[in-house]
Amino acid sequence: MGKLAAVLPTLSSGLVQLHAAFQGEIVSPGDPAYEEARKVWNGMIDRYPALILRPVSTAGVVQAVNYARERDMPVSYTHLTLPTKRIV
């Protein structure tokens, strides 16, 4: 959780605006869905992303990437039937 603590101060900057405008679901630590949402198919990987963003459109993907880039946050992604973005 050390990396998570390091990005939390930058996370709050703009998070209210992101929640208002983001086209998709935002899952944060402490949300009931967080533990399930952070799981990946490879059980050897146990990460705690600062945010998990699940965009429902191309515009949502752009919002997620821009939010992370503006805060120098690493990004990882996966996809299922719907695109999913994870900001680590």
PDB file of N, CA and C in Angstrom:
ATOM      1  N   MET A   1       0.813  -1.195   0.000  1.00  0.00           N
ATOM      2  CA  MET A   1       0.000   0.000   0.000  1.00  0.00           C
ATOM      3  C   MET A   1       0.855   1.256   0.000  1.00  0.00           C
ATOM      4  N   GLY A   2       2.182   1.124   0.019  1.00  0.00           N
ATOM      5  CA  GLY A   2       3.062   2.271   0.031  1.00  0.00           C
ATOM      6  C   GLY A   2       2.896   3.151  -1.187  1.00  0.00           C
ATOM      7  N   LYS A   3       2.802   2.546  -2.369  1.00  0.00           N
ATOM      8  CA  LYS A   3       2.615   3.320  -3.594  1.00  0.00           C
ATOM      9  C   LYS A   3       1.275   4.037  -3.583  1.00  0.00           C
ATOM     10  N   LEU A   4       0.258   3.372  -3.051  1.00  0.00           N
ATOM     11  CA  LEU A   4      -1.056   3.996  -2.961  1.00  0.00           C
ATOM     12  C   LEU A   4      -0.999   5.253  -2.111  1.00  0.00           C
ATOM     13  N   ALA A   5      -0.350   5.170  -0.953  1.00  0.00           N
ATOM     14  CA  ALA A   5      -0.221   6.337  -0.078  1.00  0.00           C
ATOM     15  C   ALA A   5       0.520   7.473  -0.773  1.00  0.00           C
ATOM     16  N   ALA A   6       1.463   7.130  -1.633  1.00  0.00           N
ATOM     17  CA  ALA A   6       2.248   8.146  -2.331  1.00  0.00           C
ATOM     18  C   ALA A   6       1.422   8.919  -3.348  1.00  0.00           C
ATOM     19  N   VAL A   7       0.423   8.288  -3.961  1.00  0.00           N
ATOM     20  CA  VAL A   7      -0.351   8.990  -4.985  1.00  0.00           C
ATOM     21  C   VAL A   7      -1.625   9.632  -4.451  1.00  0.00           C
ATOM     22  N   LEU A   8      -2.018   9.320  -3.226  1.00  0.00           N
ATOM     23  CA  LEU A   8      -3.271   9.867  -2.707  1.00  0.00           C
ATOM     24  C   LEU A   8      -3.332  11.391  -2.707  1.00  0.00           C
ATOM     25  N   PRO A   9      -2.253  12.109  -2.352  1.00  0.00           N
ATOM     26  CA  PRO A   9      -2.357  13.577  -2.411  1.00  0.00           C
ATOM     27  C   PRO A   9      -2.650  14.098  -3.814  1.00  0.00           C
ATOM     28  N   THR A  10      -2.083  13.491  -4.852  1.00  0.00           N
ATOM     29  CA  THR A  10      -2.346  13.954  -6.209  1.00  0.00           C
ATOM     30  C   THR A  10      -3.706  13.495  -6.691  1.00  0.00           C
ATOM     31  N   LEU A  11      -4.213  12.460  -6.091  1.00  0.00           N
ATOM     32  CA  LEU A  11      -5.500  11.902  -6.476  1.00  0.00           C
ATOM     33  C   LEU A  11      -6.636  12.867  -6.204  1.00  0.00           C
ATOM     34  N   SER A  12      -6.627  13.497  -5.038  1.00  0.00           N
ATOM     35  CA  SER A  12      -7.732  14.368  -4.658  1.00  0.00           C
ATOM     36  C   SER A  12      -7.833  15.593  -5.557  1.00  0.00           C
ATOM     37  N   SER A  13      -6.719  15.993  -6.134  1.00  0.00           N
ATOM     38  CA  SER A  13      -6.719  17.142  -7.034  1.00  0.00           C
ATOM     39  C   SER A  13      -7.476  16.785  -8.309  1.00  0.00           C
ATOM     40  N   GLY A  14      -8.643  17.332  -8.451  1.00  0.00           N
ATOM     41  CA  GLY A  14      -9.425  17.096  -9.655  1.00  0.00           C
ATOM     42  C   GLY A  14     -10.368  15.909  -9.569  1.00  0.00           C
ATOM     43  N   LEU A  15     -10.367  15.186  -8.446  1.00  0.00           N
ATOM     44  CA  LEU A  15     -11.213  14.000  -8.329  1.00  0.00           C
ATOM     45  C   LEU A  15     -12.698  14.358  -8.345  1.00  0.00           C
ATOM     46  N   VAL A  16     -13.060  15.473  -7.738  1.00  0.00           N
ATOM     47  CA  VAL A  16     -14.464  15.891  -7.734  1.00  0.00           C
ATOM     48  C   VAL A  16     -14.920  16.159  -9.163  1.00  0.00           C
ATOM     49  N   GLN A  17     -14.082  16.845  -9.940  1.00  0.00           N
ATOM     50  CA  GLN A  17     -14.426  17.124 -11.329  1.00  0.00           C
ATOM     51  C   GLN A  17     -14.497  15.835 -12.147  1.00  0.00           C
ATOM     52  N   LEU A  18     -13.581  14.905 -11.868  1.00  0.00           N
ATOM     53  CA  LEU A  18     -13.592  13.635 -12.586  1.00  0.00           C
ATOM     54  C   LEU A  18     -14.894  12.889 -12.294  1.00  0.00           C
ATOM     55  N   HIS A  19     -15.293  12.829 -11.033  1.00  0.00           N
ATOM     56  CA  HIS A  19     -16.543  12.159 -10.672  1.00  0.00           C
ATOM     57  C   HIS A  19     -17.732  12.798 -11.395  1.00  0.00           C
ATOM     58  N   ALA A  20     -17.721  14.092 -11.532  1.00  0.00           N
ATOM     59  CA  ALA A  20     -18.835  14.792 -12.164  1.00  0.00           C
ATOM     60  C   ALA A  20     -18.905  14.542 -13.668  1.00  0.00           C
ATOM     61  N   ALA A  21     -17.749  14.372 -14.302  1.00  0.00           N
ATOM     62  CA  ALA A  21     -17.720  14.321 -15.759  1.00  0.00           C
ATOM     63  C   ALA A  21     -17.420  12.942 -16.347  1.00  0.00           C
ATOM     64  N   PHE A  22     -16.894  12.021 -15.554  1.00  0.00           N
ATOM     65  CA  PHE A  22     -16.432  10.743 -16.096  1.00  0.00           C
ATOM     66  C   PHE A  22     -17.571   9.905 -16.656  1.00  0.00           C
ATOM     67  N   GLN A  23     -17.346   9.363 -17.825  1.00  0.00           N
ATOM     68  CA  GLN A  23     -18.340   8.513 -18.481  1.00  0.00           C
ATOM     69  C   GLN A  23     -18.030   7.050 -18.160  1.00  0.00           C
ATOM     70  N   GLY A  24     -18.484   6.607 -17.001  1.00  0.00           N
ATOM     71  CA  GLY A  24     -18.243   5.241 -16.572  1.00  0.00           C
ATOM     72  C   GLY A  24     -18.243   5.147 -15.060  1.00  0.00           C
ATOM     73  N   GLU A  25     -17.725   4.030 -14.572  1.00  0.00           N
ATOM     74  CA  GLU A  25     -17.697   3.770 -13.127  1.00  0.00           C
ATOM     75  C   GLU A  25     -16.330   4.101 -12.545  1.00  0.00           C
ATOM     76  N   ILE A  26     -16.323   4.701 -11.355  1.00  0.00           N
ATOM     77  CA  ILE A  26     -15.098   4.989 -10.620  1.00  0.00           C
ATOM     78  C   ILE A  26     -15.151   4.200  -9.320  1.00  0.00           C
ATOM     79  N   VAL A  27     -14.122   3.374  -9.090  1.00  0.00           N
ATOM     80  CA  VAL A  27     -14.048   2.580  -7.864  1.00  0.00           C
ATOM     81  C   VAL A  27     -12.785   3.003  -7.121  1.00  0.00           C
ATOM     82  N   SER A  28     -12.935   3.370  -5.855  1.00  0.00           N
ATOM     83  CA  SER A  28     -11.824   3.833  -5.022  1.00  0.00           C
ATOM     84  C   SER A  28     -11.632   2.890  -3.847  1.00  0.00           C
ATOM     85  N   PRO A  29     -10.434   2.902  -3.237  1.00  0.00           N
ATOM     86  CA  PRO A  29     -10.250   2.129  -2.011  1.00  0.00           C
ATOM     87  C   PRO A  29     -11.321   2.538  -0.992  1.00  0.00           C
ATOM     88  N   GLY A  30     -11.891   1.570  -0.326  1.00  0.00           N
ATOM     89  CA  GLY A  30     -12.956   1.836   0.625  1.00  0.00           C
ATOM     90  C   GLY A  30     -14.343   1.632   0.050  1.00  0.00           C
ATOM     91  N   ASP A  31     -14.466   1.669  -1.278  1.00  0.00           N
ATOM     92  CA  ASP A  31     -15.753   1.376  -1.910  1.00  0.00           C
ATOM     93  C   ASP A  31     -16.059  -0.111  -1.741  1.00  0.00           C
ATOM     94  N   PRO A  32     -17.331  -0.474  -1.577  1.00  0.00           N
ATOM     95  CA  PRO A  32     -17.677  -1.890  -1.431  1.00  0.00           C
ATOM     96  C   PRO A  32     -17.203  -2.763  -2.604  1.00  0.00           C
ATOM     97  N   ALA A  33     -17.141  -2.214  -3.790  1.00  0.00           N
ATOM     98  CA  ALA A  33     -16.758  -2.983  -4.979  1.00  0.00           C
ATOM     99  C   ALA A  33     -15.243  -3.057  -5.193  1.00  0.00           C
ATOM    100  N   TYR A  34     -14.455  -2.358  -4.362  1.00  0.00           N
ATOM    101  CA  TYR A  34     -13.014  -2.236  -4.607  1.00  0.00           C
ATOM    102  C   TYR A  34     -12.282  -3.578  -4.621  1.00  0.00           C
ATOM    103  N   GLU A  35     -12.492  -4.401  -3.609  1.00  0.00           N
ATOM    104  CA  GLU A  35     -11.744  -5.663  -3.509  1.00  0.00           C
ATOM    105  C   GLU A  35     -11.976  -6.544  -4.728  1.00  0.00           C
ATOM    106  N   GLU A  36     -13.197  -6.646  -5.159  1.00  0.00           N
ATOM    107  CA  GLU A  36     -13.491  -7.475  -6.335  1.00  0.00           C
ATOM    108  C   GLU A  36     -12.945  -6.826  -7.606  1.00  0.00           C
ATOM    109  N   ALA A  37     -13.062  -5.514  -7.712  1.00  0.00           N
ATOM    110  CA  ALA A  37     -12.635  -4.809  -8.918  1.00  0.00           C
ATOM    111  C   ALA A  37     -11.126  -4.832  -9.113  1.00  0.00           C
ATOM    112  N   ARG A  38     -10.354  -4.909  -8.037  1.00  0.00           N
ATOM    113  CA  ARG A  38      -8.897  -4.855  -8.165  1.00  0.00           C
ATOM    114  C   ARG A  38      -8.280  -6.204  -8.535  1.00  0.00           C
ATOM    115  N   LYS A  39      -9.067  -7.282  -8.481  1.00  0.00           N
ATOM    116  CA  LYS A  39      -8.551  -8.607  -8.808  1.00  0.00           C
ATOM    117  C   LYS A  39      -8.266  -8.717 -10.301  1.00  0.00           C
ATOM    118  N   VAL A  40      -7.184  -9.410 -10.628  1.00  0.00           N
ATOM    119  CA  VAL A  40      -6.849  -9.698 -12.016  1.00  0.00           C
ATOM    120  C   VAL A  40      -6.786 -11.207 -12.192  1.00  0.00           C
ATOM    121  N   TRP A  41      -6.783 -11.664 -13.418  1.00  0.00           N
ATOM    122  CA  TRP A  41      -6.826 -13.106 -13.687  1.00  0.00           C
ATOM    123  C   TRP A  41      -5.621 -13.844 -13.119  1.00  0.00           C
ATOM    124  N   ASN A  42      -4.487 -13.192 -13.029  1.00  0.00           N
ATOM    125  CA  ASN A  42      -3.279 -13.817 -12.494  1.00  0.00           C
ATOM    126  C   ASN A  42      -3.253 -13.608 -10.982  1.00  0.00           C
ATOM    127  N   GLY A  43      -3.557 -14.658 -10.227  1.00  0.00           N
ATOM    128  CA  GLY A  43      -3.634 -14.565  -8.776  1.00  0.00           C
ATOM    129  C   GLY A  43      -2.319 -14.223  -8.095  1.00  0.00           C
ATOM    130  N   MET A  44      -1.195 -14.295  -8.815  1.00  0.00           N
ATOM    131  CA  MET A  44       0.106 -13.936  -8.240  1.00  0.00           C
ATOM    132  C   MET A  44       0.255 -12.421  -8.111  1.00  0.00           C
ATOM    133  N   ILE A  45      -0.578 -11.676  -8.803  1.00  0.00           N
ATOM    134  CA  ILE A  45      -0.504 -10.213  -8.775  1.00  0.00           C
ATOM    135  C   ILE A  45      -1.519  -9.696  -7.770  1.00  0.00           C
ATOM    136  N   ASP A  46      -1.029  -8.938  -6.800  1.00  0.00           N
ATOM    137  CA  ASP A  46      -1.878  -8.397  -5.744  1.00  0.00           C
ATOM    138  C   ASP A  46      -1.579  -6.912  -5.597  1.00  0.00           C
ATOM    139  N   ARG A  47      -2.222  -6.105  -6.397  1.00  0.00           N
ATOM    140  CA  ARG A  47      -1.981  -4.661  -6.401  1.00  0.00           C
ATOM    141  C   ARG A  47      -3.160  -3.919  -5.800  1.00  0.00           C
ATOM    142  N   TYR A  48      -2.901  -2.717  -5.348  1.00  0.00           N
ATOM    143  CA  TYR A  48      -3.917  -1.859  -4.751  1.00  0.00           C
ATOM    144  C   TYR A  48      -3.943  -0.524  -5.502  1.00  0.00           C
ATOM    145  N   PRO A  49      -4.638  -0.477  -6.636  1.00  0.00           N
ATOM    146  CA  PRO A  49      -4.659   0.767  -7.411  1.00  0.00           C
ATOM    147  C   PRO A  49      -5.343   1.906  -6.665  1.00  0.00           C
ATOM    148  N   ALA A  50      -4.867   3.097  -6.915  1.00  0.00           N
ATOM    149  CA  ALA A  50      -5.452   4.284  -6.298  1.00  0.00           C
ATOM    150  C   ALA A  50      -6.871   4.511  -6.790  1.00  0.00           C
ATOM    151  N   LEU A  51      -7.123   4.186  -8.033  1.00  0.00           N
ATOM    152  CA  LEU A  51      -8.457   4.295  -8.635  1.00  0.00           C
ATOM    153  C   LEU A  51      -8.614   3.182  -9.655  1.00  0.00           C
ATOM    154  N   ILE A  52      -9.821   2.731  -9.818  1.00  0.00           N
ATOM    155  CA  ILE A  52     -10.148   1.822 -10.916  1.00  0.00           C
ATOM    156  C   ILE A  52     -11.245   2.524 -11.697  1.00  0.00           C
ATOM    157  N   LEU A  53     -10.957   2.803 -12.942  1.00  0.00           N
ATOM    158  CA  LEU A  53     -11.913   3.498 -13.798  1.00  0.00           C
ATOM    159  C   LEU A  53     -12.392   2.532 -14.869  1.00  0.00           C
ATOM    160  N   ARG A  54     -13.698   2.471 -15.038  1.00  0.00           N
ATOM    161  CA  ARG A  54     -14.308   1.594 -16.037  1.00  0.00           C
ATOM    162  C   ARG A  54     -15.105   2.452 -17.016  1.00  0.00           C
ATOM    163  N   PRO A  55     -14.434   2.955 -18.038  1.00  0.00           N
ATOM    164  CA  PRO A  55     -15.122   3.820 -18.991  1.00  0.00           C
ATOM    165  C   PRO A  55     -16.108   3.035 -19.855  1.00  0.00           C
ATOM    166  N   VAL A  56     -17.141   3.722 -20.299  1.00  0.00           N
ATOM    167  CA  VAL A  56     -18.140   3.113 -21.164  1.00  0.00           C
ATOM    168  C   VAL A  56     -18.089   3.684 -22.576  1.00  0.00           C
ATOM    169  N   SER A  57     -17.111   4.537 -22.817  1.00  0.00           N
ATOM    170  CA  SER A  57     -16.991   5.153 -24.140  1.00  0.00           C
ATOM    171  C   SER A  57     -15.532   5.526 -24.393  1.00  0.00           C
ATOM    172  N   THR A  58     -15.248   5.858 -25.620  1.00  0.00           N
ATOM    173  CA  THR A  58     -13.914   6.334 -25.974  1.00  0.00           C
ATOM    174  C   THR A  58     -13.591   7.606 -25.202  1.00  0.00           C
ATOM    175  N   ALA A  59     -14.577   8.470 -25.044  1.00  0.00           N
ATOM    176  CA  ALA A  59     -14.358   9.714 -24.285  1.00  0.00           C
ATOM    177  C   ALA A  59     -13.973   9.396 -22.845  1.00  0.00           C
ATOM    178  N   GLY A  60     -14.553   8.369 -22.264  1.00  0.00           N
ATOM    179  CA  GLY A  60     -14.199   7.969 -20.903  1.00  0.00           C
ATOM    180  C   GLY A  60     -12.768   7.480 -20.807  1.00  0.00           C
ATOM    181  N   VAL A  61     -12.313   6.760 -21.820  1.00  0.00           N
ATOM    182  CA  VAL A  61     -10.916   6.304 -21.855  1.00  0.00           C
ATOM    183  C   VAL A  61      -9.989   7.513 -21.902  1.00  0.00           C
ATOM    184  N   VAL A  62     -10.324   8.479 -22.739  1.00  0.00           N
ATOM    185  CA  VAL A  62      -9.519   9.701 -22.847  1.00  0.00           C
ATOM    186  C   VAL A  62      -9.487  10.435 -21.510  1.00  0.00           C
ATOM    187  N   GLN A  63     -10.629  10.536 -20.838  1.00  0.00           N
ATOM    188  CA  GLN A  63     -10.682  11.193 -19.523  1.00  0.00           C
ATOM    189  C   GLN A  63      -9.773  10.474 -18.523  1.00  0.00           C
ATOM    190  N   ALA A  64      -9.828   9.156 -18.506  1.00  0.00           N
ATOM    191  CA  ALA A  64      -9.021   8.372 -17.568  1.00  0.00           C
ATOM    192  C   ALA A  64      -7.531   8.571 -17.815  1.00  0.00           C
ATOM    193  N   VAL A  65      -7.121   8.480 -19.062  1.00  0.00           N
ATOM    194  CA  VAL A  65      -5.702   8.629 -19.395  1.00  0.00           C
ATOM    195  C   VAL A  65      -5.229  10.050 -19.097  1.00  0.00           C
ATOM    196  N   ASN A  66      -6.022  11.039 -19.450  1.00  0.00           N
ATOM    197  CA  ASN A  66      -5.641  12.430 -19.168  1.00  0.00           C
ATOM    198  C   ASN A  66      -5.517  12.686 -17.677  1.00  0.00           C
ATOM    199  N   TYR A  67      -6.462  12.169 -16.887  1.00  0.00           N
ATOM    200  CA  TYR A  67      -6.413  12.351 -15.433  1.00  0.00           C
ATOM    201  C   TYR A  67      -5.106  11.786 -14.882  1.00  0.00           C
ATOM    202  N   ALA A  68      -4.753  10.586 -15.308  1.00  0.00           N
ATOM    203  CA  ALA A  68      -3.518   9.949 -14.830  1.00  0.00           C
ATOM    204  C   ALA A  68      -2.287  10.706 -15.317  1.00  0.00           C
ATOM    205  N   ARG A  69      -2.266  11.081 -16.572  1.00  0.00           N
ATOM    206  CA  ARG A  69      -1.101  11.781 -17.131  1.00  0.00           C
ATOM    207  C   ARG A  69      -0.863  13.117 -16.436  1.00  0.00           C
ATOM    208  N   GLU A  70      -1.920  13.860 -16.187  1.00  0.00           N
ATOM    209  CA  GLU A  70      -1.793  15.168 -15.540  1.00  0.00           C
ATOM    210  C   GLU A  70      -1.258  15.058 -14.109  1.00  0.00           C
ATOM    211  N   ARG A  71      -1.371  13.884 -13.514  1.00  0.00           N
ATOM    212  CA  ARG A  71      -0.916  13.668 -12.135  1.00  0.00           C
ATOM    213  C   ARG A  71       0.287  12.746 -12.068  1.00  0.00           C
ATOM    214  N   ASP A  72       0.864  12.452 -13.222  1.00  0.00           N
ATOM    215  CA  ASP A  72       2.035  11.576 -13.323  1.00  0.00           C
ATOM    216  C   ASP A  72       1.792  10.239 -12.618  1.00  0.00           C
ATOM    217  N   MET A  73       0.611   9.684 -12.830  1.00  0.00           N
ATOM    218  CA  MET A  73       0.241   8.407 -12.224  1.00  0.00           C
ATOM    219  C   MET A  73       0.421   7.291 -13.247  1.00  0.00           C
ATOM    220  N   PRO A  74       0.922   6.144 -12.815  1.00  0.00           N
ATOM    221  CA  PRO A  74       1.041   5.018 -13.753  1.00  0.00           C
ATOM    222  C   PRO A  74      -0.344   4.499 -14.130  1.00  0.00           C
ATOM    223  N   VAL A  75      -0.442   3.947 -15.329  1.00  0.00           N
ATOM    224  CA  VAL A  75      -1.702   3.419 -15.840  1.00  0.00           C
ATOM    225  C   VAL A  75      -1.500   1.974 -16.268  1.00  0.00           C
ATOM    226  N   SER A  76      -2.427   1.135 -15.910  1.00  0.00           N
ATOM    227  CA  SER A  76      -2.482  -0.207 -16.478  1.00  0.00           C
ATOM    228  C   SER A  76      -3.908  -0.415 -16.961  1.00  0.00           C
ATOM    229  N   TYR A  77      -4.079  -1.320 -17.883  1.00  0.00           N
ATOM    230  CA  TYR A  77      -5.427  -1.520 -18.398  1.00  0.00           C
ATOM    231  C   TYR A  77      -5.658  -2.978 -18.751  1.00  0.00           C
ATOM    232  N   THR A  78      -6.895  -3.307 -18.834  1.00  0.00           N
ATOM    233  CA  THR A  78      -7.338  -4.613 -19.283  1.00  0.00           C
ATOM    234  C   THR A  78      -8.659  -4.396 -19.996  1.00  0.00           C
ATOM    235  N   HIS A  79      -9.133  -5.408 -20.638  1.00  0.00           N
ATOM    236  CA  HIS A  79     -10.457  -5.295 -21.252  1.00  0.00           C
ATOM    237  C   HIS A  79     -11.185  -6.619 -21.136  1.00  0.00           C
ATOM    238  N   LEU A  80     -12.470  -6.520 -20.971  1.00  0.00           N
ATOM    239  CA  LEU A  80     -13.347  -7.681 -20.975  1.00  0.00           C
ATOM    240  C   LEU A  80     -14.304  -7.444 -22.134  1.00  0.00           C
ATOM    241  N   THR A  81     -15.576  -7.586 -21.921  1.00  0.00           N
ATOM    242  CA  THR A  81     -16.517  -7.245 -22.982  1.00  0.00           C
ATOM    243  C   THR A  81     -16.667  -5.739 -23.100  1.00  0.00           C
ATOM    244  N   LEU A  82     -16.421  -5.033 -22.003  1.00  0.00           N
ATOM    245  CA  LEU A  82     -16.422  -3.574 -22.002  1.00  0.00           C
ATOM    246  C   LEU A  82     -15.008  -3.112 -21.652  1.00  0.00           C
ATOM    247  N   PRO A  83     -14.558  -1.992 -22.196  1.00  0.00           N
ATOM    248  CA  PRO A  83     -13.230  -1.499 -21.844  1.00  0.00           C
ATOM    249  C   PRO A  83     -13.145  -1.183 -20.353  1.00  0.00           C
ATOM    250  N   THR A  84     -12.000  -1.469 -19.774  1.00  0.00           N
ATOM    251  CA  THR A  84     -11.764  -1.170 -18.360  1.00  0.00           C
ATOM    252  C   THR A  84     -10.404  -0.519 -18.241  1.00  0.00           C
ATOM    253  N   LYS A  85     -10.329   0.586 -17.543  1.00  0.00           N
ATOM    254  CA  LYS A  85      -9.055   1.247 -17.287  1.00  0.00           C
ATOM    255  C   LYS A  85      -8.771   1.188 -15.806  1.00  0.00           C
ATOM    256  N   ARG A  86      -7.557   0.876 -15.461  1.00  0.00           N
ATOM    257  CA  ARG A  86      -7.145   0.890 -14.072  1.00  0.00           C
ATOM    258  C   ARG A  86      -6.021   1.892 -13.926  1.00  0.00           C
ATOM    259  N   ILE A  87      -6.182   2.788 -13.009  1.00  0.00           N
ATOM    260  CA  ILE A  87      -5.119   3.731 -12.693  1.00  0.00           C
ATOM    261  C   ILE A  87      -4.500   3.231 -11.409  1.00  0.00           C
ATOM    262  N   VAL A  88      -3.242   2.945 -11.505  1.00  0.00           N
ATOM    263  CA  VAL A  88      -2.565   2.326 -10.357  1.00  0.00           C
ATOM    264  C   VAL A  88      -1.954   3.357  -9.465  1.00  0.00           C
TER     265      VAL A  88
END
